[in-house]
Amino acid sequence: MNTRPFQLIPGYLFTVVFVGLMIQTLGVSAQPHIYPAPPQQRKIVLIHGTIHVGNGKVIPNGMIAFDRGKILAVGETVDTSGAELVDVSGMQVYPGLIAPVTNLGLVEVEAVRATRDEDEVGQIIPSVRSIVAYNTDSKVIPTLRSNGILLAHIVPEGGLIGPTSSVVQLDAWNWEDAAYSKDIGIQLYLPRLYPSSPEAETRALQQVNTIKQFFQEAAAYYHEPQHTHRNLSFEAVKGLFDRSKILFVHADLEKEIWLALDLARTFHFRMVIVGGADSWRVADELKKNEVAVILQPPHSLPLTPDDPVDLPYRTAALLQQAGVKFCIGEDGFWQQRNLPFEAGTAAAYGFTREQALEAITLRAAEILGIDSLTGSLEPGKDANIVVSRGDILDMRTSQVEMAYIQGRSINLDNKQKDLMKRYVYKYGLDMDTTHIY
């Protein structure tokens, strides 16, 4: 028998145990009625809606037919034989929106380390796959679907040359079901090239040399017919050299973007700039080198005090005028629900609302290499469809009523809606006059 006196659990250990139990309890009890939809069982035709195809074309009072997860026809009239007819009169029909850069599913509670899996240890870690860490049970995911976001590019952090990223659809039981396009690219996090001190400048230059040396060695490894020893990091970036993968370079400043362009020319990479606050300054070179941009959210401050205060709003239009391929992104994970409103703001500063819609649908799909599957409402593509009562780009009028992912009718409830209904009930409010978004 153990006769040692009872010992108190150390404070930090108690905190870990308590938080772990709370997370487990929340995971079991929250939103038990929200679960992935079954496969589409029969042909569906949406009728009498205003269809925004996603490529700039709009069909008033149009129809869209889809079966077995694929779009069959879109137009003023389509074949409705054997179909379930869904009347969407007075509503707007859109392609499913795409979040082009997010750590959704890799973070749940930012203040709790045990729920953050977005950052990996190490400087050169391209062999790490973010898709296997994606949490389909995240309570944040339904809040995105409620605003029409049906696909997301899951981007991890960590190191200089980071893990691979993948595209997921946002209605799945596990990461294998969620995977829409796996391991599409490698993340490169360039050091800030306007350092705050001589020491920081020396460190940044050393990191740049490390990046260049790695790619030089990886290129030599790629061109070797046989390898004495297998290098997992070099194996992971082989797709960059045969252009089957994309190098996503996280860079904002003009000097950083020039460095990225130098890498693209040297190694002939397919490259996308992520952030790109200064991308408008080098737009001609971006177009010449066929480098696309995932723009930082327009709802942000200018990069430097000398920039015009409305520059983040106008950057999308500046790239549009220069002929640079781009899409609009949002920060973080829970903020992604605001993605359509970011595009709506940009639409007020130099381009049309259909062009703004393209920037979060078809252009995003093209940049991520999934435009043969999604991004627009065209025959042969997946039936990723959103039906909204009001303009989906306008936070005042947008109210998503229906959504389909690969033809499956998606549950649009979420924890926030549940809380709204709870307090509408508590205070005896009229559900018919209370807007629940």
Protein backbone atom coordinates (compact mmCIF):
# COMPACT_ATOMS: atom_id res chain seq x y z
CA MET A 1 0.00 0.00 0.00
CA ASN A 2 1.28 3.45 -0.88
CA THR A 3 1.52 5.50 2.32
CA ARG A 4 2.98 8.65 0.77
CA PRO A 5 1.00 11.79 1.69
CA PHE A 6 -1.38 13.25 -0.87
CA GLN A 7 0.41 15.64 -3.23
CA LEU A 8 -1.27 18.63 -4.87
CA ILE A 9 -1.23 18.79 -8.64
CA PRO A 10 1.09 21.62 -9.77
CA GLY A 11 -0.81 24.68 -10.97
CA TYR A 12 0.28 24.44 -14.60
CA LEU A 13 -0.64 20.73 -14.75
CA PHE A 14 -4.07 21.45 -13.26
CA THR A 15 -4.62 24.09 -15.93
CA VAL A 16 -3.69 21.67 -18.72
CA VAL A 17 -5.99 18.95 -17.32
CA PHE A 18 -8.87 21.41 -16.81
CA VAL A 19 -8.57 22.92 -20.29
CA GLY A 20 -8.31 19.45 -21.82
CA LEU A 21 -11.52 18.34 -20.08
CA MET A 22 -13.30 21.53 -21.18
CA ILE A 23 -12.26 21.04 -24.80
CA GLN A 24 -13.38 17.42 -24.69
CA THR A 25 -16.74 18.42 -23.18
CA LEU A 26 -17.29 21.16 -25.77
CA GLY A 27 -16.32 18.82 -28.57
CA VAL A 28 -18.94 16.30 -27.44
CA SER A 29 -21.81 18.69 -26.71
CA ALA A 30 -21.54 21.52 -29.23
CA GLN A 31 -23.63 21.38 -32.42
CA PRO A 32 -24.44 17.63 -32.33
CA HIS A 33 -27.07 18.11 -35.05
CA ILE A 34 -24.60 19.47 -37.61
CA TYR A 35 -23.11 16.61 -39.57
CA PRO A 36 -21.96 16.02 -43.17
CA ALA A 37 -24.64 15.60 -45.81
CA PRO A 38 -25.11 12.30 -47.67
CA PRO A 39 -24.37 12.03 -51.41
CA GLN A 40 -26.84 13.55 -53.86
CA GLN A 41 -29.60 11.01 -54.52
CA ARG A 42 -31.51 12.51 -57.42
CA LYS A 43 -31.33 15.20 -60.07
CA ILE A 44 -32.06 18.73 -58.83
CA VAL A 45 -32.95 21.82 -60.86
CA LEU A 46 -32.90 25.29 -59.33
CA ILE A 47 -35.42 27.48 -61.16
CA HIS A 48 -36.24 31.19 -61.45
CA GLY A 49 -33.06 32.45 -59.80
CA THR A 50 -30.57 35.07 -60.93
CA ILE A 51 -27.51 32.99 -61.78
CA HIS A 52 -24.05 34.50 -61.43
CA VAL A 53 -21.96 32.04 -63.42
CA GLY A 54 -18.68 33.27 -61.95
CA ASN A 55 -17.01 34.18 -65.24
CA GLY A 56 -18.74 37.56 -65.55
CA LYS A 57 -21.95 36.22 -67.08
CA VAL A 58 -25.30 36.74 -65.34
CA ILE A 59 -28.51 34.88 -66.28
CA PRO A 60 -31.69 36.56 -64.97
CA ASN A 61 -34.50 34.12 -64.23
CA GLY A 62 -32.19 31.21 -65.04
CA MET A 63 -32.06 27.50 -64.27
CA ILE A 64 -29.27 25.17 -63.20
CA ALA A 65 -29.46 21.37 -63.22
CA PHE A 66 -27.10 19.03 -61.38
CA ASP A 67 -26.97 15.31 -60.63
CA ARG A 68 -24.49 12.98 -58.91
CA GLY A 69 -22.54 15.99 -57.75
CA LYS A 70 -21.95 17.47 -61.21
CA ILE A 71 -23.53 20.40 -63.03
CA LEU A 72 -25.48 19.20 -66.08
CA ALA A 73 -26.73 22.43 -67.61
CA VAL A 74 -27.06 26.16 -66.93
CA GLY A 75 -29.25 28.57 -68.88
CA GLU A 76 -32.61 30.22 -69.32
CA THR A 77 -34.14 26.77 -69.81
CA VAL A 78 -32.76 23.30 -69.05
CA ASP A 79 -34.07 19.74 -69.15
CA THR A 80 -36.13 19.16 -65.97
CA SER A 81 -37.26 15.58 -66.66
CA GLY A 82 -37.07 13.38 -63.56
CA ALA A 83 -35.74 16.23 -61.44
CA GLU A 84 -36.65 17.72 -58.09
CA LEU A 85 -37.51 21.36 -58.81
CA VAL A 86 -36.37 23.93 -56.27
CA ASP A 87 -37.89 27.39 -56.72
CA VAL A 88 -35.36 30.12 -55.89
CA SER A 89 -37.41 33.05 -57.17
CA GLY A 90 -35.99 36.40 -56.09
CA MET A 91 -32.71 34.82 -54.98
CA GLN A 92 -29.14 35.00 -56.25
CA VAL A 93 -27.28 31.82 -57.25
CA TYR A 94 -23.49 31.80 -57.03
CA PRO A 95 -20.56 29.39 -57.32
CA GLY A 96 -19.29 28.24 -53.92
CA LEU A 97 -16.82 30.79 -52.58
CA ILE A 98 -13.19 29.78 -52.07
CA ALA A 99 -10.97 30.89 -49.18
CA PRO A 100 -7.55 30.96 -50.90
CA VAL A 101 -5.33 31.08 -47.80
CA THR A 102 -6.32 30.14 -44.25
CA ASN A 103 -5.28 28.03 -41.25
CA LEU A 104 -8.88 26.90 -40.77
CA GLY A 105 -9.03 23.50 -39.09
CA LEU A 106 -5.48 23.84 -37.81
CA VAL A 107 -6.47 26.25 -35.01
CA GLU A 108 -9.54 26.11 -32.77
CA VAL A 109 -8.92 28.28 -29.69
CA GLU A 110 -6.03 30.68 -30.24
CA ALA A 111 -5.33 31.04 -26.51
CA VAL A 112 -5.07 27.29 -25.96
CA ARG A 113 -1.83 25.75 -27.29
CA ALA A 114 -3.31 22.25 -27.39
CA THR A 115 -5.78 23.36 -30.09
CA ARG A 116 -3.19 25.07 -32.32
CA ASP A 117 -1.57 22.85 -34.92
CA GLU A 118 -0.75 25.43 -37.56
CA ASP A 119 2.95 25.94 -36.77
CA GLU A 120 5.62 23.25 -37.22
CA VAL A 121 9.10 23.16 -35.68
CA GLY A 122 12.08 23.62 -37.98
CA GLN A 123 13.31 25.89 -40.76
CA ILE A 124 13.21 23.58 -43.81
CA ILE A 125 10.14 21.35 -43.44
CA PRO A 126 8.43 20.83 -46.85
CA SER A 127 7.96 17.12 -46.15
CA VAL A 128 5.36 17.90 -43.46
CA ARG A 129 1.78 17.57 -44.75
CA SER A 130 -0.79 19.94 -43.30
CA ILE A 131 -3.77 17.96 -44.59
CA VAL A 132 -3.37 15.19 -41.99
CA ALA A 133 -3.73 17.77 -39.19
CA TYR A 134 -6.94 19.29 -40.60
CA ASN A 135 -9.78 19.06 -38.08
CA THR A 136 -13.14 18.56 -39.80
CA ASP A 137 -14.93 18.89 -36.43
CA SER A 138 -13.88 22.52 -35.98
CA LYS A 139 -16.81 24.62 -34.78
CA VAL A 140 -15.55 27.47 -36.96
CA ILE A 141 -16.16 25.65 -40.26
CA PRO A 142 -19.99 25.95 -40.18
CA THR A 143 -19.71 29.74 -39.72
CA LEU A 144 -17.91 29.93 -43.08
CA ARG A 145 -20.47 27.78 -44.86
CA SER A 146 -23.22 30.08 -43.58
CA ASN A 147 -21.64 32.91 -45.61
CA GLY A 148 -21.21 30.84 -48.77
CA ILE A 149 -17.59 29.68 -48.38
CA LEU A 150 -17.51 26.02 -49.41
CA LEU A 151 -13.84 25.39 -50.19
CA ALA A 152 -10.64 26.45 -48.44
CA HIS A 153 -6.91 26.29 -49.11
CA ILE A 154 -5.41 25.12 -45.80
CA VAL A 155 -2.05 26.82 -45.30
CA PRO A 156 0.27 25.92 -42.40
CA GLU A 157 2.98 28.11 -40.90
CA GLY A 158 6.48 27.49 -39.62
CA GLY A 159 10.04 27.80 -40.86
CA LEU A 160 11.38 29.44 -43.98
CA ILE A 161 10.31 26.69 -46.35
CA GLY A 162 7.17 25.37 -44.75
CA PRO A 163 4.83 22.38 -45.06
CA THR A 164 2.63 21.47 -48.00
CA SER A 165 -0.85 22.98 -48.30
CA SER A 166 -4.05 21.39 -49.59
CA VAL A 167 -7.55 22.41 -50.68
CA VAL A 168 -10.49 20.98 -48.72
CA GLN A 169 -14.26 21.04 -49.06
CA LEU A 170 -15.99 22.17 -45.89
CA ASP A 171 -18.45 19.35 -45.21
CA ALA A 172 -16.69 16.13 -44.26
CA TRP A 173 -16.33 13.45 -41.58
CA ASN A 174 -12.53 13.35 -41.67
CA TRP A 175 -9.56 14.81 -43.55
CA GLU A 176 -9.62 12.03 -46.13
CA ASP A 177 -13.23 12.95 -47.04
CA ALA A 178 -12.42 16.66 -46.94
CA ALA A 179 -9.41 16.51 -49.27
CA TYR A 180 -10.35 18.21 -52.54
CA SER A 181 -6.87 18.66 -53.98
CA LYS A 182 -4.01 17.33 -51.84
CA ASP A 183 -0.52 18.76 -51.41
CA ILE A 184 -0.82 21.38 -54.13
CA GLY A 185 2.03 23.59 -52.98
CA ILE A 186 4.93 24.51 -50.72
CA GLN A 187 4.97 27.59 -48.49
CA LEU A 188 7.94 29.97 -48.56
CA TYR A 189 8.05 32.59 -45.79
CA LEU A 190 10.53 35.26 -46.87
CA PRO A 191 12.24 37.26 -44.10
CA ARG A 192 11.31 40.91 -43.89
CA LEU A 193 13.85 42.76 -46.04
CA TYR A 194 13.47 46.15 -44.36
CA PRO A 195 14.95 45.06 -41.02
CA SER A 196 14.78 47.12 -37.85
CA SER A 197 18.46 46.72 -36.87
CA PRO A 198 21.86 45.67 -38.32
CA GLU A 199 21.55 42.34 -36.52
CA ALA A 200 18.13 41.74 -38.06
CA GLU A 201 19.51 42.65 -41.50
CA THR A 202 22.36 40.14 -41.13
CA ARG A 203 19.92 37.45 -40.01
CA ALA A 204 17.57 38.16 -42.94
CA LEU A 205 20.42 37.90 -45.48
CA GLN A 206 21.55 34.62 -43.93
CA GLN A 207 18.01 33.27 -44.26
CA VAL A 208 17.83 34.33 -47.91
CA ASN A 209 21.12 32.48 -48.57
CA THR A 210 19.72 29.41 -46.79
CA ILE A 211 16.66 29.46 -49.05
CA LYS A 212 18.71 29.81 -52.24
CA GLN A 213 21.14 27.09 -51.19
CA PHE A 214 18.29 24.70 -50.42
CA PHE A 215 16.70 25.15 -53.85
CA GLN A 216 20.06 24.78 -55.60
CA GLU A 217 20.68 21.49 -53.79
CA ALA A 218 17.09 20.38 -54.39
CA ALA A 219 17.51 21.11 -58.12
CA ALA A 220 20.65 18.98 -58.23
CA TYR A 221 18.82 16.19 -56.37
CA TYR A 222 15.90 16.43 -58.82
CA HIS A 223 18.18 16.00 -61.84
CA GLU A 224 20.05 13.00 -60.38
CA PRO A 225 18.84 9.76 -62.03
CA GLN A 226 19.47 7.76 -58.83
CA HIS A 227 20.03 8.69 -55.20
CA THR A 228 22.39 7.01 -52.75
CA HIS A 229 20.34 8.41 -49.86
CA ARG A 230 16.72 9.52 -49.93
CA ASN A 231 16.21 13.11 -48.73
CA LEU A 232 12.61 13.72 -47.67
CA SER A 233 12.83 17.51 -47.99
CA PHE A 234 14.19 17.31 -51.53
CA GLU A 235 11.60 14.66 -52.42
CA ALA A 236 8.82 16.94 -51.16
CA VAL A 237 9.79 19.81 -53.50
CA LYS A 238 10.29 17.73 -56.67
CA GLY A 239 6.90 18.94 -57.84
CA LEU A 240 8.19 22.51 -57.92
CA PHE A 241 10.76 21.60 -60.56
CA ASP A 242 8.33 19.69 -62.80
CA ARG A 243 5.74 22.45 -62.13
CA SER A 244 3.15 20.04 -60.74
CA LYS A 245 3.23 22.00 -57.46
CA ILE A 246 3.03 25.70 -56.68
CA LEU A 247 5.45 27.75 -54.59
CA PHE A 248 3.37 30.09 -52.42
CA VAL A 249 5.67 32.95 -51.42
CA HIS A 250 4.47 34.98 -48.45
CA ALA A 251 5.74 38.49 -49.18
CA ASP A 252 4.42 42.04 -48.95
CA LEU A 253 7.22 44.50 -49.61
CA GLU A 254 8.42 45.40 -53.09
CA LYS A 255 11.97 44.22 -52.36
CA GLU A 256 10.65 40.84 -51.17
CA ILE A 257 8.51 40.42 -54.29
CA TRP A 258 11.55 41.16 -56.49
CA LEU A 259 13.44 38.41 -54.65
CA ALA A 260 10.53 36.02 -55.27
CA LEU A 261 10.53 36.91 -58.97
CA ASP A 262 14.26 36.18 -59.11
CA LEU A 263 13.61 32.70 -57.66
CA ALA A 264 10.81 32.12 -60.19
CA ARG A 265 13.08 33.03 -63.11
CA THR A 266 16.07 31.05 -61.78
CA PHE A 267 14.22 27.81 -61.10
CA HIS A 268 11.19 28.20 -63.44
CA PHE A 269 8.74 27.67 -60.60
CA ARG A 270 4.98 28.11 -60.75
CA MET A 271 4.70 30.86 -58.19
CA VAL A 272 1.98 32.72 -56.29
CA ILE A 273 2.61 35.75 -54.09
CA VAL A 274 0.60 35.66 -50.84
CA GLY A 275 -0.08 39.04 -49.23
CA GLY A 276 1.31 41.22 -51.99
CA ALA A 277 0.63 44.64 -50.46
CA ASP A 278 3.24 46.16 -52.80
CA SER A 279 2.37 43.92 -55.77
CA TRP A 280 0.86 46.84 -57.69
CA ARG A 281 4.32 48.44 -57.79
CA VAL A 282 5.74 45.52 -59.80
CA ALA A 283 2.58 44.55 -61.69
CA ASP A 284 4.26 44.55 -65.11
CA GLU A 285 6.92 42.07 -63.96
CA LEU A 286 4.33 39.86 -62.28
CA LYS A 287 2.34 39.71 -65.51
CA LYS A 288 5.46 39.09 -67.61
CA ASN A 289 6.54 36.19 -65.39
CA GLU A 290 2.97 34.82 -65.03
CA VAL A 291 3.08 35.13 -61.25
CA ALA A 292 -0.35 35.38 -59.60
CA VAL A 293 -1.22 37.11 -56.33
CA ILE A 294 -3.42 36.17 -53.38
CA LEU A 295 -4.07 39.64 -52.02
CA GLN A 296 -4.18 40.58 -48.37
CA PRO A 297 -7.71 41.53 -47.22
CA PRO A 298 -8.82 45.01 -48.34
CA HIS A 299 -10.04 45.67 -44.77
CA SER A 300 -6.50 46.41 -43.58
CA LEU A 301 -4.17 49.33 -43.00
CA PRO A 302 -1.67 50.53 -45.61
CA LEU A 303 1.74 48.90 -45.37
CA THR A 304 3.66 52.13 -44.71
CA PRO A 305 2.67 55.56 -43.32
CA ASP A 306 3.37 57.11 -46.73
CA ASP A 307 0.79 54.98 -48.56
CA PRO A 308 -2.69 56.42 -49.27
CA VAL A 309 -5.17 55.32 -46.62
CA ASP A 310 -7.43 53.67 -49.22
CA LEU A 311 -4.63 51.79 -51.01
CA PRO A 312 -5.61 48.32 -49.66
CA TYR A 313 -9.10 48.90 -51.12
CA ARG A 314 -7.71 49.88 -54.53
CA THR A 315 -4.93 47.32 -54.95
CA ALA A 316 -7.24 44.74 -56.53
CA ALA A 317 -8.38 47.21 -59.19
CA LEU A 318 -4.77 48.23 -59.89
CA LEU A 319 -3.82 44.60 -60.53
CA GLN A 320 -6.94 44.11 -62.64
CA GLN A 321 -5.99 47.07 -64.84
CA ALA A 322 -2.43 45.73 -65.20
CA GLY A 323 -3.66 42.29 -66.27
CA VAL A 324 -2.21 40.43 -63.27
CA LYS A 325 -4.08 37.30 -62.20
CA PHE A 326 -5.15 37.65 -58.57
CA CYS A 327 -7.73 36.64 -56.02
CA ILE A 328 -8.72 38.13 -52.66
CA GLY A 329 -7.83 36.48 -49.36
CA GLU A 330 -8.66 36.96 -45.70
CA ASP A 331 -6.59 36.58 -42.53
CA GLY A 332 -6.64 33.74 -40.03
CA PHE A 333 -9.46 31.23 -39.72
CA TRP A 334 -12.61 32.58 -38.05
CA GLN A 335 -12.22 35.86 -39.99
CA GLN A 336 -12.70 33.94 -43.26
CA ARG A 337 -16.47 34.33 -42.95
CA ASN A 338 -15.93 37.98 -43.96
CA LEU A 339 -14.31 37.02 -47.29
CA PRO A 340 -17.32 37.95 -49.50
CA PHE A 341 -17.55 41.35 -47.81
CA GLU A 342 -13.84 41.98 -48.41
CA ALA A 343 -14.51 41.41 -52.12
CA GLY A 344 -17.57 43.65 -51.91
CA THR A 345 -15.48 46.50 -50.52
CA ALA A 346 -12.90 46.09 -53.29
CA ALA A 347 -15.73 46.27 -55.82
CA ALA A 348 -16.43 49.82 -54.69
CA TYR A 349 -12.89 50.87 -55.62
CA GLY A 350 -12.43 50.28 -59.31
CA PHE A 351 -14.04 47.14 -60.70
CA THR A 352 -17.47 45.56 -61.13
CA ARG A 353 -19.28 43.31 -58.69
CA GLU A 354 -19.00 40.37 -61.10
CA GLN A 355 -15.24 40.91 -61.24
CA ALA A 356 -15.23 41.00 -57.43
CA LEU A 357 -17.15 37.72 -57.39
CA GLU A 358 -14.59 36.19 -59.77
CA ALA A 359 -11.85 37.21 -57.33
CA ILE A 360 -13.23 34.77 -54.72
CA THR A 361 -14.47 32.06 -57.09
CA LEU A 362 -13.04 31.39 -60.55
CA ARG A 363 -9.79 33.34 -60.16
CA ALA A 364 -9.11 31.65 -56.83
CA ALA A 365 -9.77 28.26 -58.45
CA GLU A 366 -7.39 29.05 -61.32
CA ILE A 367 -4.62 30.15 -58.96
CA LEU A 368 -5.03 26.99 -56.86
CA GLY A 369 -5.16 24.77 -59.94
CA ILE A 370 -8.70 23.46 -59.35
CA ASP A 371 -10.58 25.45 -62.02
CA SER A 372 -11.36 22.27 -64.00
CA LEU A 373 -13.44 21.16 -60.99
CA THR A 374 -14.95 24.31 -59.55
CA GLY A 375 -14.98 28.12 -59.46
CA SER A 376 -17.87 28.71 -61.87
CA LEU A 377 -21.31 27.32 -62.63
CA GLU A 378 -20.54 25.49 -65.87
CA PRO A 379 -21.52 22.01 -67.12
CA GLY A 380 -19.09 19.28 -66.06
CA LYS A 381 -17.89 21.05 -62.93
CA ASP A 382 -18.74 20.06 -59.37
CA ALA A 383 -22.08 21.32 -58.14
CA ASN A 384 -20.65 23.70 -55.53
CA ILE A 385 -23.50 26.17 -55.37
CA VAL A 386 -24.69 28.91 -53.01
CA VAL A 387 -28.18 30.45 -52.99
CA SER A 388 -28.49 33.80 -51.22
CA ARG A 389 -31.40 36.08 -50.46
CA GLY A 390 -29.63 39.32 -51.35
CA ASP A 391 -26.21 40.24 -52.68
CA ILE A 392 -23.63 37.83 -51.24
CA LEU A 393 -20.98 40.58 -51.35
CA ASP A 394 -23.07 42.94 -49.21
CA MET A 395 -23.14 42.25 -45.47
CA ARG A 396 -26.38 44.24 -45.15
CA THR A 397 -28.44 42.06 -47.49
CA SER A 398 -26.63 38.73 -47.83
CA GLN A 399 -28.48 35.81 -46.26
CA VAL A 400 -27.40 32.39 -47.52
CA GLU A 401 -30.47 30.15 -47.74
CA MET A 402 -29.05 27.03 -49.41
CA ALA A 403 -25.67 25.56 -50.26
CA TYR A 404 -24.55 22.46 -52.12
CA ILE A 405 -21.10 20.87 -52.10
CA GLN A 406 -20.70 18.38 -54.93
CA GLY A 407 -24.48 18.26 -55.12
CA ARG A 408 -24.99 17.53 -51.41
CA SER A 409 -27.41 19.84 -49.60
CA ILE A 410 -25.39 21.31 -46.72
CA ASN A 411 -26.59 22.09 -43.21
CA LEU A 412 -26.17 25.86 -42.73
CA ASP A 413 -26.62 25.93 -38.96
CA ASN A 414 -23.74 26.89 -36.67
CA LYS A 415 -23.01 27.58 -33.02
CA GLN A 416 -23.61 31.31 -33.43
CA LYS A 417 -27.05 30.74 -34.95
CA ASP A 418 -27.87 28.35 -32.09
CA LEU A 419 -26.96 31.04 -29.55
CA MET A 420 -29.04 33.61 -31.42
CA LYS A 421 -32.07 31.33 -31.39
CA ARG A 422 -31.50 30.61 -27.68
CA TYR A 423 -31.72 34.28 -26.73
CA VAL A 424 -34.53 35.03 -29.16
CA TYR A 425 -36.45 32.37 -27.25
CA LYS A 426 -35.31 33.63 -23.83
CA TYR A 427 -36.50 37.18 -24.43
CA GLY A 428 -39.65 36.22 -26.34
CA LEU A 429 -38.68 37.93 -29.57
CA ASP A 430 -40.47 37.37 -32.86
CA MET A 431 -38.49 34.87 -34.95
CA ASP A 432 -40.11 36.17 -38.14
CA THR A 433 -38.73 39.68 -37.63
CA THR A 434 -35.38 38.69 -36.09
CA HIS A 435 -32.68 38.19 -38.70
CA ILE A 436 -30.46 35.18 -38.00
CA TYR A 437 -27.48 35.16 -40.32
